[in-house]
Amino acid sequence: MTQTKKDIIIGILIGIFTAFLISFIIFLNTNPGLSTADYFNVFVYGKIIAPILSMALLGNLAVFFLFLKLNKDLISKGILVATIIVGILVFIIKFIL
């Protein structure tokens, strides 16, 4: 596998991880009494996955520009791809399911 593909895959993983990490932080800050197990139950079954992930995609914007500033263009492309993938997931959850 070439370095180009590795950098793009690393960017995709960073983008997906960042989106879910930020959504976890947002959820815990808005619901301080719930535990991590409650987070997964409410997040998956409580129909709040789409709005929280939508807000978390803004965090990907910061990470995207950080890697652009560091001249890691291929990783930035991967983060952009991850943002599009999570955005499509949010669209499907919000309007189709």
PDB file of N, CA and C in Angstrom:
ATOM      1  N   MET A   1       0.854  -1.167   0.000  1.00  0.00           N
ATOM      2  CA  MET A   1       0.000   0.000   0.000  1.00  0.00           C
ATOM      3  C   MET A   1       0.906   1.239   0.000  1.00  0.00           C
ATOM      4  N   THR A   2       0.588   2.183  -0.831  1.00  0.00           N
ATOM      5  CA  THR A   2       1.432   3.371  -0.940  1.00  0.00           C
ATOM      6  C   THR A   2       1.180   4.326   0.220  1.00  0.00           C
ATOM      7  N   GLN A   3       2.092   5.243   0.395  1.00  0.00           N
ATOM      8  CA  GLN A   3       1.975   6.229   1.473  1.00  0.00           C
ATOM      9  C   GLN A   3       0.746   7.120   1.273  1.00  0.00           C
ATOM     10  N   THR A   4       0.394   7.368   0.008  1.00  0.00           N
ATOM     11  CA  THR A   4      -0.782   8.188  -0.289  1.00  0.00           C
ATOM     12  C   THR A   4      -2.050   7.549   0.266  1.00  0.00           C
ATOM     13  N   LYS A   5      -2.221   6.263  -0.005  1.00  0.00           N
ATOM     14  CA  LYS A   5      -3.409   5.554   0.490  1.00  0.00           C
ATOM     15  C   LYS A   5      -3.409   5.483   2.017  1.00  0.00           C
ATOM     16  N   LYS A   6      -2.230   5.257   2.594  1.00  0.00           N
ATOM     17  CA  LYS A   6      -2.152   5.194   4.055  1.00  0.00           C
ATOM     18  C   LYS A   6      -2.550   6.517   4.688  1.00  0.00           C
ATOM     19  N   ASP A   7      -2.089   7.633   4.116  1.00  0.00           N
ATOM     20  CA  ASP A   7      -2.435   8.944   4.668  1.00  0.00           C
ATOM     21  C   ASP A   7      -3.929   9.226   4.559  1.00  0.00           C
ATOM     22  N   ILE A   8      -4.523   8.843   3.452  1.00  0.00           N
ATOM     23  CA  ILE A   8      -5.968   9.071   3.289  1.00  0.00           C
ATOM     24  C   ILE A   8      -6.754   8.201   4.273  1.00  0.00           C
ATOM     25  N   ILE A   9      -6.344   6.944   4.457  1.00  0.00           N
ATOM     26  CA  ILE A   9      -7.022   6.063   5.413  1.00  0.00           C
ATOM     27  C   ILE A   9      -6.846   6.586   6.831  1.00  0.00           C
ATOM     28  N   ILE A  10      -5.655   7.074   7.159  1.00  0.00           N
ATOM     29  CA  ILE A  10      -5.432   7.676   8.485  1.00  0.00           C
ATOM     30  C   ILE A  10      -6.355   8.875   8.672  1.00  0.00           C
ATOM     31  N   GLY A  11      -6.513   9.690   7.644  1.00  0.00           N
ATOM     32  CA  GLY A  11      -7.411  10.841   7.715  1.00  0.00           C
ATOM     33  C   GLY A  11      -8.860  10.434   7.916  1.00  0.00           C
ATOM     34  N   ILE A  12      -9.280   9.373   7.237  1.00  0.00           N
ATOM     35  CA  ILE A  12     -10.656   8.888   7.407  1.00  0.00           C
ATOM     36  C   ILE A  12     -10.873   8.412   8.841  1.00  0.00           C
ATOM     37  N   LEU A  13      -9.921   7.662   9.366  1.00  0.00           N
ATOM     38  CA  LEU A  13     -10.051   7.176  10.744  1.00  0.00           C
ATOM     39  C   LEU A  13     -10.048   8.324  11.746  1.00  0.00           C
ATOM     40  N   ILE A  14      -9.189   9.311  11.531  1.00  0.00           N
ATOM     41  CA  ILE A  14      -9.161  10.480  12.415  1.00  0.00           C
ATOM     42  C   ILE A  14     -10.488  11.223  12.352  1.00  0.00           C
ATOM     43  N   GLY A  15     -11.034  11.397  11.140  1.00  0.00           N
ATOM     44  CA  GLY A  15     -12.298  12.111  10.979  1.00  0.00           C
ATOM     45  C   GLY A  15     -13.467  11.416  11.646  1.00  0.00           C
ATOM     46  N   ILE A  16     -13.552  10.107  11.495  1.00  0.00           N
ATOM     47  CA  ILE A  16     -14.654   9.363  12.123  1.00  0.00           C
ATOM     48  C   ILE A  16     -14.487   9.352  13.635  1.00  0.00           C
ATOM     49  N   PHE A  17     -13.275   9.124  14.112  1.00  0.00           N
ATOM     50  CA  PHE A  17     -13.020   9.129  15.550  1.00  0.00           C
ATOM     51  C   PHE A  17     -13.321  10.495  16.157  1.00  0.00           C
ATOM     52  N   THR A  18     -12.917  11.561  15.477  1.00  0.00           N
ATOM     53  CA  THR A  18     -13.162  12.913  15.983  1.00  0.00           C
ATOM     54  C   THR A  18     -14.651  13.206  16.078  1.00  0.00           C
ATOM     55  N   ALA A  19     -15.412  12.818  15.068  1.00  0.00           N
ATOM     56  CA  ALA A  19     -16.859  13.072  15.076  1.00  0.00           C
ATOM     57  C   ALA A  19     -17.526  12.364  16.258  1.00  0.00           C
ATOM     58  N   PHE A  20     -17.177  11.121  16.482  1.00  0.00           N
ATOM     59  CA  PHE A  20     -17.808  10.389  17.579  1.00  0.00           C
ATOM     60  C   PHE A  20     -17.284  10.829  18.943  1.00  0.00           C
ATOM     61  N   LEU A  21     -16.025  11.212  19.030  1.00  0.00           N
ATOM     62  CA  LEU A  21     -15.483  11.716  20.288  1.00  0.00           C
ATOM     63  C   LEU A  21     -16.145  13.042  20.668  1.00  0.00           C
ATOM     64  N   ILE A  22     -16.304  13.936  19.715  1.00  0.00           N
ATOM     65  CA  ILE A  22     -16.935  15.220  19.992  1.00  0.00           C
ATOM     66  C   ILE A  22     -18.413  15.021  20.336  1.00  0.00           C
ATOM     67  N   SER A  23     -19.078  14.086  19.663  1.00  0.00           N
ATOM     68  CA  SER A  23     -20.482  13.824  20.000  1.00  0.00           C
ATOM     69  C   SER A  23     -20.596  13.283  21.423  1.00  0.00           C
ATOM     70  N   PHE A  24     -19.642  12.457  21.836  1.00  0.00           N
ATOM     71  CA  PHE A  24     -19.629  11.930  23.203  1.00  0.00           C
ATOM     72  C   PHE A  24     -19.430  13.062  24.206  1.00  0.00           C
ATOM     73  N   ILE A  25     -18.522  13.966  23.920  1.00  0.00           N
ATOM     74  CA  ILE A  25     -18.265  15.096  24.814  1.00  0.00           C
ATOM     75  C   ILE A  25     -19.485  16.013  24.887  1.00  0.00           C
ATOM     76  N   ILE A  26     -20.111  16.282  23.758  1.00  0.00           N
ATOM     77  CA  ILE A  26     -21.312  17.126  23.746  1.00  0.00           C
ATOM     78  C   ILE A  26     -22.416  16.473  24.578  1.00  0.00           C
ATOM     79  N   PHE A  27     -22.609  15.178  24.396  1.00  0.00           N
ATOM     80  CA  PHE A  27     -23.664  14.474  25.128  1.00  0.00           C
ATOM     81  C   PHE A  27     -23.405  14.505  26.628  1.00  0.00           C
ATOM     82  N   LEU A  28     -22.171  14.248  27.035  1.00  0.00           N
ATOM     83  CA  LEU A  28     -21.875  14.243  28.465  1.00  0.00           C
ATOM     84  C   LEU A  28     -21.993  15.629  29.082  1.00  0.00           C
ATOM     85  N   ASN A  29     -21.682  16.676  28.318  1.00  0.00           N
ATOM     86  CA  ASN A  29     -21.821  18.033  28.844  1.00  0.00           C
ATOM     87  C   ASN A  29     -23.276  18.463  28.955  1.00  0.00           C
ATOM     88  N   THR A  30     -24.133  17.970  28.088  1.00  0.00           N
ATOM     89  CA  THR A  30     -25.543  18.351  28.150  1.00  0.00           C
ATOM     90  C   THR A  30     -26.346  17.456  29.086  1.00  0.00           C
ATOM     91  N   ASN A  31     -25.813  16.283  29.419  1.00  0.00           N
ATOM     92  CA  ASN A  31     -26.477  15.343  30.326  1.00  0.00           C
ATOM     93  C   ASN A  31     -25.474  14.871  31.374  1.00  0.00           C
ATOM     94  N   PRO A  32     -25.171  15.703  32.369  1.00  0.00           N
ATOM     95  CA  PRO A  32     -24.080  15.371  33.301  1.00  0.00           C
ATOM     96  C   PRO A  32     -24.357  14.188  34.226  1.00  0.00           C
ATOM     97  N   GLY A  33     -25.590  13.786  34.416  1.00  0.00           N
ATOM     98  CA  GLY A  33     -25.884  12.712  35.354  1.00  0.00           C
ATOM     99  C   GLY A  33     -25.824  11.325  34.755  1.00  0.00           C
ATOM    100  N   LEU A  34     -25.621  11.214  33.450  1.00  0.00           N
ATOM    101  CA  LEU A  34     -25.659   9.907  32.804  1.00  0.00           C
ATOM    102  C   LEU A  34     -24.259   9.302  32.700  1.00  0.00           C
ATOM    103  N   SER A  35     -24.205   7.976  32.731  1.00  0.00           N
ATOM    104  CA  SER A  35     -22.926   7.276  32.624  1.00  0.00           C
ATOM    105  C   SER A  35     -22.637   6.965  31.157  1.00  0.00           C
ATOM    106  N   THR A  36     -21.507   6.326  30.935  1.00  0.00           N
ATOM    107  CA  THR A  36     -21.120   5.968  29.571  1.00  0.00           C
ATOM    108  C   THR A  36     -22.081   4.932  28.986  1.00  0.00           C
ATOM    109  N   ALA A  37     -22.531   3.982  29.789  1.00  0.00           N
ATOM    110  CA  ALA A  37     -23.494   2.984  29.309  1.00  0.00           C
ATOM    111  C   ALA A  37     -24.814   3.651  28.940  1.00  0.00           C
ATOM    112  N   ASP A  38     -25.241   4.626  29.746  1.00  0.00           N
ATOM    113  CA  ASP A  38     -26.450   5.379  29.418  1.00  0.00           C
ATOM    114  C   ASP A  38     -26.275   6.153  28.118  1.00  0.00           C
ATOM    115  N   TYR A  39     -25.060   6.642  27.896  1.00  0.00           N
ATOM    116  CA  TYR A  39     -24.762   7.374  26.664  1.00  0.00           C
ATOM    117  C   TYR A  39     -25.070   6.505  25.459  1.00  0.00           C
ATOM    118  N   PHE A  40     -24.577   5.278  25.452  1.00  0.00           N
ATOM    119  CA  PHE A  40     -24.787   4.419  24.286  1.00  0.00           C
ATOM    120  C   PHE A  40     -26.253   4.048  24.125  1.00  0.00           C
ATOM    121  N   ASN A  41     -26.953   3.814  25.216  1.00  0.00           N
ATOM    122  CA  ASN A  41     -28.377   3.486  25.121  1.00  0.00           C
ATOM    123  C   ASN A  41     -29.186   4.656  24.582  1.00  0.00           C
ATOM    124  N   VAL A  42     -28.974   5.831  25.130  1.00  0.00           N
ATOM    125  CA  VAL A  42     -29.730   7.005  24.693  1.00  0.00           C
ATOM    126  C   VAL A  42     -29.301   7.423  23.290  1.00  0.00           C
ATOM    127  N   PHE A  43     -28.018   7.343  23.021  1.00  0.00           N
ATOM    128  CA  PHE A  43     -27.480   7.773  21.731  1.00  0.00           C
ATOM    129  C   PHE A  43     -28.032   6.928  20.589  1.00  0.00           C
ATOM    130  N   VAL A  44     -28.053   5.619  20.785  1.00  0.00           N
ATOM    131  CA  VAL A  44     -28.480   4.731  19.707  1.00  0.00           C
ATOM    132  C   VAL A  44     -29.996   4.605  19.649  1.00  0.00           C
ATOM    133  N   TYR A  45     -30.645   4.457  20.799  1.00  0.00           N
ATOM    134  CA  TYR A  45     -32.086   4.193  20.801  1.00  0.00           C
ATOM    135  C   TYR A  45     -32.940   5.431  21.034  1.00  0.00           C
ATOM    136  N   GLY A  46     -32.337   6.541  21.377  1.00  0.00           N
ATOM    137  CA  GLY A  46     -33.098   7.702  21.773  1.00  0.00           C
ATOM    138  C   GLY A  46     -33.359   8.727  20.697  1.00  0.00           C
ATOM    139  N   LYS A  47     -33.008   8.434  19.472  1.00  0.00           N
ATOM    140  CA  LYS A  47     -33.279   9.321  18.338  1.00  0.00           C
ATOM    141  C   LYS A  47     -32.562  10.663  18.442  1.00  0.00           C
ATOM    142  N   ILE A  48     -31.463  10.739  19.182  1.00  0.00           N
ATOM    143  CA  ILE A  48     -30.711  11.990  19.229  1.00  0.00           C
ATOM    144  C   ILE A  48     -29.363  11.861  18.522  1.00  0.00           C
ATOM    145  N   ILE A  49     -29.175  10.748  17.843  1.00  0.00           N
ATOM    146  CA  ILE A  49     -27.898  10.511  17.183  1.00  0.00           C
ATOM    147  C   ILE A  49     -27.671  11.522  16.051  1.00  0.00           C
ATOM    148  N   ALA A  50     -28.695  11.841  15.293  1.00  0.00           N
ATOM    149  CA  ALA A  50     -28.522  12.749  14.154  1.00  0.00           C
ATOM    150  C   ALA A  50     -28.166  14.174  14.576  1.00  0.00           C
ATOM    151  N   PRO A  51     -28.881  14.788  15.523  1.00  0.00           N
ATOM    152  CA  PRO A  51     -28.508  16.159  15.904  1.00  0.00           C
ATOM    153  C   PRO A  51     -27.126  16.269  16.550  1.00  0.00           C
ATOM    154  N   ILE A  52     -26.778  15.288  17.378  1.00  0.00           N
ATOM    155  CA  ILE A  52     -25.476  15.359  18.037  1.00  0.00           C
ATOM    156  C   ILE A  52     -24.355  15.139  17.035  1.00  0.00           C
ATOM    157  N   LEU A  53     -24.511  14.187  16.127  1.00  0.00           N
ATOM    158  CA  LEU A  53     -23.481  13.973  15.106  1.00  0.00           C
ATOM    159  C   LEU A  53     -23.373  15.168  14.164  1.00  0.00           C
ATOM    160  N   SER A  54     -24.490  15.833  13.911  1.00  0.00           N
ATOM    161  CA  SER A  54     -24.448  17.030  13.062  1.00  0.00           C
ATOM    162  C   SER A  54     -23.581  18.110  13.706  1.00  0.00           C
ATOM    163  N   MET A  55     -23.730  18.297  15.000  1.00  0.00           N
ATOM    164  CA  MET A  55     -22.901  19.287  15.691  1.00  0.00           C
ATOM    165  C   MET A  55     -21.451  18.834  15.767  1.00  0.00           C
ATOM    166  N   ALA A  56     -21.239  17.533  15.871  1.00  0.00           N
ATOM    167  CA  ALA A  56     -19.876  17.014  15.970  1.00  0.00           C
ATOM    168  C   ALA A  56     -19.112  17.179  14.662  1.00  0.00           C
ATOM    169  N   LEU A  57     -19.818  17.264  13.557  1.00  0.00           N
ATOM    170  CA  LEU A  57     -19.134  17.457  12.275  1.00  0.00           C
ATOM    171  C   LEU A  57     -18.426  18.807  12.207  1.00  0.00           C
ATOM    172  N   LEU A  58     -18.872  19.750  13.003  1.00  0.00           N
ATOM    173  CA  LEU A  58     -18.160  21.030  13.057  1.00  0.00           C
ATOM    174  C   LEU A  58     -16.761  20.865  13.649  1.00  0.00           C
ATOM    175  N   GLY A  59     -16.610  19.898  14.530  1.00  0.00           N
ATOM    176  CA  GLY A  59     -15.287  19.612  15.075  1.00  0.00           C
ATOM    177  C   GLY A  59     -14.334  19.078  14.013  1.00  0.00           C
ATOM    178  N   ASN A  60     -14.879  18.346  13.056  1.00  0.00           N
ATOM    179  CA  ASN A  60     -14.055  17.873  11.945  1.00  0.00           C
ATOM    180  C   ASN A  60     -13.512  19.035  11.128  1.00  0.00           C
ATOM    181  N   LEU A  61     -14.252  20.110  11.088  1.00  0.00           N
ATOM    182  CA  LEU A  61     -13.782  21.293  10.369  1.00  0.00           C
ATOM    183  C   LEU A  61     -12.503  21.829  10.990  1.00  0.00           C
ATOM    184  N   ALA A  62     -12.465  21.870  12.317  1.00  0.00           N
ATOM    185  CA  ALA A  62     -11.263  22.347  13.010  1.00  0.00           C
ATOM    186  C   ALA A  62     -10.082  21.412  12.766  1.00  0.00           C
ATOM    187  N   VAL A  63     -10.334  20.109  12.834  1.00  0.00           N
ATOM    188  CA  VAL A  63      -9.260  19.140  12.604  1.00  0.00           C
ATOM    189  C   VAL A  63      -8.787  19.206  11.155  1.00  0.00           C
ATOM    190  N   PHE A  64      -9.715  19.394  10.232  1.00  0.00           N
ATOM    191  CA  PHE A  64      -9.374  19.525   8.816  1.00  0.00           C
ATOM    192  C   PHE A  64      -8.417  20.699   8.599  1.00  0.00           C
ATOM    193  N   PHE A  65      -8.760  21.856   9.156  1.00  0.00           N
ATOM    194  CA  PHE A  65      -7.902  23.018   8.978  1.00  0.00           C
ATOM    195  C   PHE A  65      -6.583  22.889   9.737  1.00  0.00           C
ATOM    196  N   LEU A  66      -6.581  22.169  10.847  1.00  0.00           N
ATOM    197  CA  LEU A  66      -5.333  21.926  11.568  1.00  0.00           C
ATOM    198  C   LEU A  66      -4.352  21.136  10.702  1.00  0.00           C
ATOM    199  N   PHE A  67      -4.835  20.078  10.066  1.00  0.00           N
ATOM    200  CA  PHE A  67      -3.944  19.287   9.221  1.00  0.00           C
ATOM    201  C   PHE A  67      -3.567  20.026   7.941  1.00  0.00           C
ATOM    202  N   LEU A  68      -4.431  20.897   7.455  1.00  0.00           N
ATOM    203  CA  LEU A  68      -4.035  21.738   6.319  1.00  0.00           C
ATOM    204  C   LEU A  68      -2.911  22.681   6.720  1.00  0.00           C
ATOM    205  N   LYS A  69      -3.000  23.242   7.915  1.00  0.00           N
ATOM    206  CA  LYS A  69      -1.966  24.148   8.424  1.00  0.00           C
ATOM    207  C   LYS A  69      -0.634  23.418   8.591  1.00  0.00           C
ATOM    208  N   LEU A  70      -0.700  22.120   8.945  1.00  0.00           N
ATOM    209  CA  LEU A  70       0.503  21.313   9.120  1.00  0.00           C
ATOM    210  C   LEU A  70       1.026  20.748   7.797  1.00  0.00           C
ATOM    211  N   ASN A  71       0.414  21.152   6.672  1.00  0.00           N
ATOM    212  CA  ASN A  71       0.780  20.686   5.325  1.00  0.00           C
ATOM    213  C   ASN A  71       0.623  19.177   5.162  1.00  0.00           C
ATOM    214  N   LYS A  72      -0.385  18.628   5.772  1.00  0.00           N
ATOM    215  CA  LYS A  72      -0.740  17.208   5.622  1.00  0.00           C
ATOM    216  C   LYS A  72      -1.991  17.130   4.759  1.00  0.00           C
ATOM    217  N   ASP A  73      -1.829  17.423   3.470  1.00  0.00           N
ATOM    218  CA  ASP A  73      -2.964  17.537   2.571  1.00  0.00           C
ATOM    219  C   ASP A  73      -3.719  16.214   2.391  1.00  0.00           C
ATOM    220  N   LEU A  74      -3.004  15.100   2.339  1.00  0.00           N
ATOM    221  CA  LEU A  74      -3.669  13.822   2.125  1.00  0.00           C
ATOM    222  C   LEU A  74      -4.489  13.404   3.348  1.00  0.00           C
ATOM    223  N   ILE A  75      -3.975  13.684   4.528  1.00  0.00           N
ATOM    224  CA  ILE A  75      -4.749  13.398   5.741  1.00  0.00           C
ATOM    225  C   ILE A  75      -5.976  14.302   5.776  1.00  0.00           C
ATOM    226  N   SER A  76      -5.830  15.544   5.338  1.00  0.00           N
ATOM    227  CA  SER A  76      -6.978  16.464   5.274  1.00  0.00           C
ATOM    228  C   SER A  76      -8.033  15.951   4.309  1.00  0.00           C
ATOM    229  N   LYS A  77      -7.601  15.376   3.200  1.00  0.00           N
ATOM    230  CA  LYS A  77      -8.559  14.786   2.253  1.00  0.00           C
ATOM    231  C   LYS A  77      -9.320  13.638   2.907  1.00  0.00           C
ATOM    232  N   GLY A  78      -8.611  12.819   3.688  1.00  0.00           N
ATOM    233  CA  GLY A  78      -9.266  11.718   4.387  1.00  0.00           C
ATOM    234  C   GLY A  78     -10.278  12.213   5.405  1.00  0.00           C
ATOM    235  N   ILE A  79      -9.947  13.291   6.111  1.00  0.00           N
ATOM    236  CA  ILE A  79     -10.885  13.878   7.069  1.00  0.00           C
ATOM    237  C   ILE A  79     -12.109  14.414   6.344  1.00  0.00           C
ATOM    238  N   LEU A  80     -11.911  14.999   5.185  1.00  0.00           N
ATOM    239  CA  LEU A  80     -13.039  15.486   4.387  1.00  0.00           C
ATOM    240  C   LEU A  80     -13.928  14.325   3.945  1.00  0.00           C
ATOM    241  N   VAL A  81     -13.324  13.215   3.528  1.00  0.00           N
ATOM    242  CA  VAL A  81     -14.096  12.035   3.140  1.00  0.00           C
ATOM    243  C   VAL A  81     -14.886  11.501   4.334  1.00  0.00           C
ATOM    244  N   ALA A  82     -14.255  11.454   5.506  1.00  0.00           N
ATOM    245  CA  ALA A  82     -14.952  10.983   6.713  1.00  0.00           C
ATOM    246  C   ALA A  82     -16.120  11.899   7.058  1.00  0.00           C
ATOM    247  N   THR A  83     -15.930  13.206   6.891  1.00  0.00           N
ATOM    248  CA  THR A  83     -17.002  14.154   7.164  1.00  0.00           C
ATOM    249  C   THR A  83     -18.176  13.921   6.229  1.00  0.00           C
ATOM    250  N   ILE A  84     -17.894  13.650   4.974  1.00  0.00           N
ATOM    251  CA  ILE A  84     -18.955  13.366   4.007  1.00  0.00           C
ATOM    252  C   ILE A  84     -19.666  12.061   4.362  1.00  0.00           C
ATOM    253  N   ILE A  85     -18.908  11.039   4.755  1.00  0.00           N
ATOM    254  CA  ILE A  85     -19.510   9.750   5.132  1.00  0.00           C
ATOM    255  C   ILE A  85     -20.425   9.913   6.342  1.00  0.00           C
ATOM    256  N   VAL A  86     -19.952  10.602   7.368  1.00  0.00           N
ATOM    257  CA  VAL A  86     -20.773  10.809   8.573  1.00  0.00           C
ATOM    258  C   VAL A  86     -21.971  11.702   8.237  1.00  0.00           C
ATOM    259  N   GLY A  87     -21.784  12.685   7.368  1.00  0.00           N
ATOM    260  CA  GLY A  87     -22.897  13.540   6.942  1.00  0.00           C
ATOM    261  C   GLY A  87     -23.975  12.753   6.215  1.00  0.00           C
ATOM    262  N   ILE A  88     -23.570  11.837   5.359  1.00  0.00           N
ATOM    263  CA  ILE A  88     -24.543  10.979   4.669  1.00  0.00           C
ATOM    264  C   ILE A  88     -25.249  10.077   5.676  1.00  0.00           C
ATOM    265  N   LEU A  89     -24.512   9.566   6.652  1.00  0.00           N
ATOM    266  CA  LEU A  89     -25.115   8.751   7.711  1.00  0.00           C
ATOM    267  C   LEU A  89     -26.160   9.550   8.487  1.00  0.00           C
ATOM    268  N   VAL A  90     -25.839  10.789   8.817  1.00  0.00           N
ATOM    269  CA  VAL A  90     -26.789  11.655   9.527  1.00  0.00           C
ATOM    270  C   VAL A  90     -28.027  11.890   8.673  1.00  0.00           C
ATOM    271  N   PHE A  91     -27.842  12.133   7.388  1.00  0.00           N
ATOM    272  CA  PHE A  91     -28.971  12.353   6.484  1.00  0.00           C
ATOM    273  C   PHE A  91     -29.880  11.129   6.435  1.00  0.00           C
ATOM    274  N   ILE A  92     -29.268   9.943   6.320  1.00  0.00           N
ATOM    275  CA  ILE A  92     -30.057   8.708   6.268  1.00  0.00           C
ATOM    276  C   ILE A  92     -30.822   8.509   7.572  1.00  0.00           C
ATOM    277  N   ILE A  93     -30.169   8.720   8.703  1.00  0.00           N
ATOM    278  CA  ILE A  93     -30.840   8.533   9.995  1.00  0.00           C
ATOM    279  C   ILE A  93     -31.963   9.539  10.175  1.00  0.00           C
ATOM    280  N   LYS A  94     -31.718  10.769   9.778  1.00  0.00           N
ATOM    281  CA  LYS A  94     -32.690  11.834  10.038  1.00  0.00           C
ATOM    282  C   LYS A  94     -33.895  11.765   9.112  1.00  0.00           C
ATOM    283  N   PHE A  95     -33.679  11.474   7.842  1.00  0.00           N
ATOM    284  CA  PHE A  95     -34.782  11.594   6.886  1.00  0.00           C
ATOM    285  C   PHE A  95     -35.307  10.265   6.362  1.00  0.00           C
ATOM    286  N   ILE A  96     -34.555   9.197   6.459  1.00  0.00           N
ATOM    287  CA  ILE A  96     -35.006   7.941   5.898  1.00  0.00           C
ATOM    288  C   ILE A  96     -35.472   6.971   6.986  1.00  0.00           C
ATOM    289  N   LEU A  97     -34.744   6.910   8.092  1.00  0.00           N
ATOM    290  CA  LEU A  97     -35.120   5.951   9.150  1.00  0.00           C
ATOM    291  C   LEU A  97     -36.141   6.527  10.074  1.00  0.00           C
TER     292      LEU A  97
END
